[in-house]
């Protein structure tokens, strides 16, 4: 279970369809969508 902060819902949510990505500085991150409103959410650090 990976969580991220949704700016639209103003709360922490579980990421729907999480995808591992690597930033320009080689740091790991996770991106996906909010299950409640469908907004893109992002979490740095895996």
N, C-alpha and C. Protein backbone atom coordinates (compact mmCIF):
# COMPACT_ATOMS: atom_id res chain seq x y z
N UNK A 1 0.85 -1.19 0.00
CA UNK A 1 0.00 0.00 0.00
C UNK A 1 0.89 1.24 0.00
N UNK A 2 0.78 2.03 -1.04
CA UNK A 2 1.54 3.27 -1.16
C UNK A 2 0.55 4.43 -1.05
N UNK A 3 0.88 5.39 -0.19
CA UNK A 3 -0.01 6.53 -0.01
C UNK A 3 0.66 7.80 -0.50
N UNK A 4 -0.15 8.77 -0.88
CA UNK A 4 0.33 10.08 -1.30
C UNK A 4 -0.72 11.11 -0.90
N UNK A 5 -0.36 12.38 -0.90
CA UNK A 5 -1.28 13.44 -0.52
C UNK A 5 -1.99 13.96 -1.77
N UNK A 6 -3.31 13.94 -1.74
CA UNK A 6 -4.11 14.49 -2.85
C UNK A 6 -4.44 15.94 -2.53
N UNK A 7 -4.04 16.83 -3.41
CA UNK A 7 -4.25 18.26 -3.19
C UNK A 7 -5.73 18.63 -3.32
N UNK A 8 -6.43 17.96 -4.20
CA UNK A 8 -7.84 18.26 -4.40
C UNK A 8 -8.70 17.78 -3.22
N UNK A 9 -8.44 16.56 -2.74
CA UNK A 9 -9.20 16.01 -1.61
C UNK A 9 -8.69 16.52 -0.26
N UNK A 10 -7.48 17.05 -0.23
CA UNK A 10 -6.82 17.55 0.98
C UNK A 10 -6.67 16.45 2.04
N UNK A 11 -6.25 15.26 1.60
CA UNK A 11 -6.01 14.17 2.53
C UNK A 11 -5.06 13.15 1.88
N UNK A 12 -4.52 12.26 2.73
CA UNK A 12 -3.68 11.19 2.23
C UNK A 12 -4.57 10.10 1.66
N UNK A 13 -4.21 9.61 0.48
CA UNK A 13 -4.98 8.55 -0.15
C UNK A 13 -4.05 7.45 -0.63
N UNK A 14 -4.60 6.27 -0.82
CA UNK A 14 -3.83 5.17 -1.39
C UNK A 14 -3.74 5.39 -2.90
N UNK A 15 -2.56 5.24 -3.47
CA UNK A 15 -2.36 5.50 -4.90
C UNK A 15 -2.99 4.39 -5.72
N UNK A 16 -3.82 4.78 -6.69
CA UNK A 16 -4.44 3.83 -7.61
C UNK A 16 -3.52 3.72 -8.83
N UNK A 17 -3.27 2.53 -9.30
CA UNK A 17 -2.37 2.26 -10.43
C UNK A 17 -0.98 2.85 -10.20
N UNK A 18 -0.29 2.47 -9.11
CA UNK A 18 1.04 3.04 -8.84
C UNK A 18 2.08 2.60 -9.87
N UNK A 19 2.93 3.53 -10.27
CA UNK A 19 4.01 3.26 -11.23
C UNK A 19 5.30 3.80 -10.65
N UNK A 20 6.34 2.95 -10.63
CA UNK A 20 7.66 3.37 -10.16
C UNK A 20 8.32 4.20 -11.25
N UNK A 21 8.85 5.36 -10.89
CA UNK A 21 9.55 6.22 -11.82
C UNK A 21 10.87 6.67 -11.19
N UNK A 22 11.78 7.16 -12.02
CA UNK A 22 13.06 7.68 -11.54
C UNK A 22 13.16 9.14 -11.94
N UNK A 23 13.47 10.00 -10.98
CA UNK A 23 13.62 11.42 -11.25
C UNK A 23 14.94 11.71 -11.96
N UNK A 24 15.12 12.93 -12.41
CA UNK A 24 16.35 13.33 -13.10
C UNK A 24 17.59 13.12 -12.25
N UNK A 25 17.46 13.30 -10.94
CA UNK A 25 18.60 13.14 -10.04
C UNK A 25 18.74 11.70 -9.53
N UNK A 26 18.12 10.76 -10.24
CA UNK A 26 18.22 9.31 -9.97
C UNK A 26 17.52 8.86 -8.69
N UNK A 27 16.66 9.68 -8.12
CA UNK A 27 15.90 9.30 -6.93
C UNK A 27 14.64 8.55 -7.34
N UNK A 28 14.22 7.54 -6.57
CA UNK A 28 12.99 6.82 -6.90
C UNK A 28 11.75 7.61 -6.50
N UNK A 29 10.66 7.40 -7.22
CA UNK A 29 9.39 8.05 -6.92
C UNK A 29 8.25 7.15 -7.40
N UNK A 30 7.05 7.46 -6.97
CA UNK A 30 5.86 6.72 -7.37
C UNK A 30 4.80 7.70 -7.82
N UNK A 31 4.17 7.41 -8.95
CA UNK A 31 3.08 8.26 -9.43
C UNK A 31 1.87 7.40 -9.73
N UNK A 32 0.69 8.02 -9.68
CA UNK A 32 -0.55 7.32 -9.94
C UNK A 32 -1.71 8.29 -9.87
N UNK A 33 -2.88 7.77 -9.54
CA UNK A 33 -4.06 8.62 -9.47
C UNK A 33 -4.77 8.43 -8.13
N UNK A 34 -5.55 9.44 -7.77
CA UNK A 34 -6.35 9.39 -6.55
C UNK A 34 -7.59 8.53 -6.83
N UNK A 35 -7.91 7.57 -5.95
CA UNK A 35 -9.09 6.73 -6.19
C UNK A 35 -10.42 7.47 -6.02
N UNK A 36 -10.42 8.58 -5.30
CA UNK A 36 -11.67 9.32 -5.06
C UNK A 36 -12.01 10.29 -6.18
N UNK A 37 -11.04 11.12 -6.60
CA UNK A 37 -11.34 12.17 -7.57
C UNK A 37 -10.64 12.00 -8.92
N UNK A 38 -9.66 11.11 -9.02
CA UNK A 38 -8.99 10.87 -10.29
C UNK A 38 -7.83 11.80 -10.60
N UNK A 39 -7.47 12.68 -9.66
CA UNK A 39 -6.37 13.60 -9.84
C UNK A 39 -5.04 12.84 -9.77
N UNK A 40 -4.04 13.31 -10.52
CA UNK A 40 -2.72 12.68 -10.45
C UNK A 40 -2.08 12.99 -9.10
N UNK A 41 -1.50 11.94 -8.48
CA UNK A 41 -0.78 12.11 -7.22
C UNK A 41 0.63 11.59 -7.39
N UNK A 42 1.54 12.07 -6.57
CA UNK A 42 2.96 11.81 -6.74
C UNK A 42 3.61 11.71 -5.37
N UNK A 43 4.51 10.74 -5.21
CA UNK A 43 5.23 10.59 -3.96
C UNK A 43 6.71 10.35 -4.26
N UNK A 44 7.56 11.17 -3.69
CA UNK A 44 9.01 11.02 -3.86
C UNK A 44 9.51 10.02 -2.82
N UNK A 45 10.42 9.17 -3.23
CA UNK A 45 11.02 8.21 -2.30
C UNK A 45 10.43 6.82 -2.39
N UNK A 46 9.81 6.51 -3.48
CA UNK A 46 9.34 5.15 -3.68
C UNK A 46 7.96 4.96 -3.18
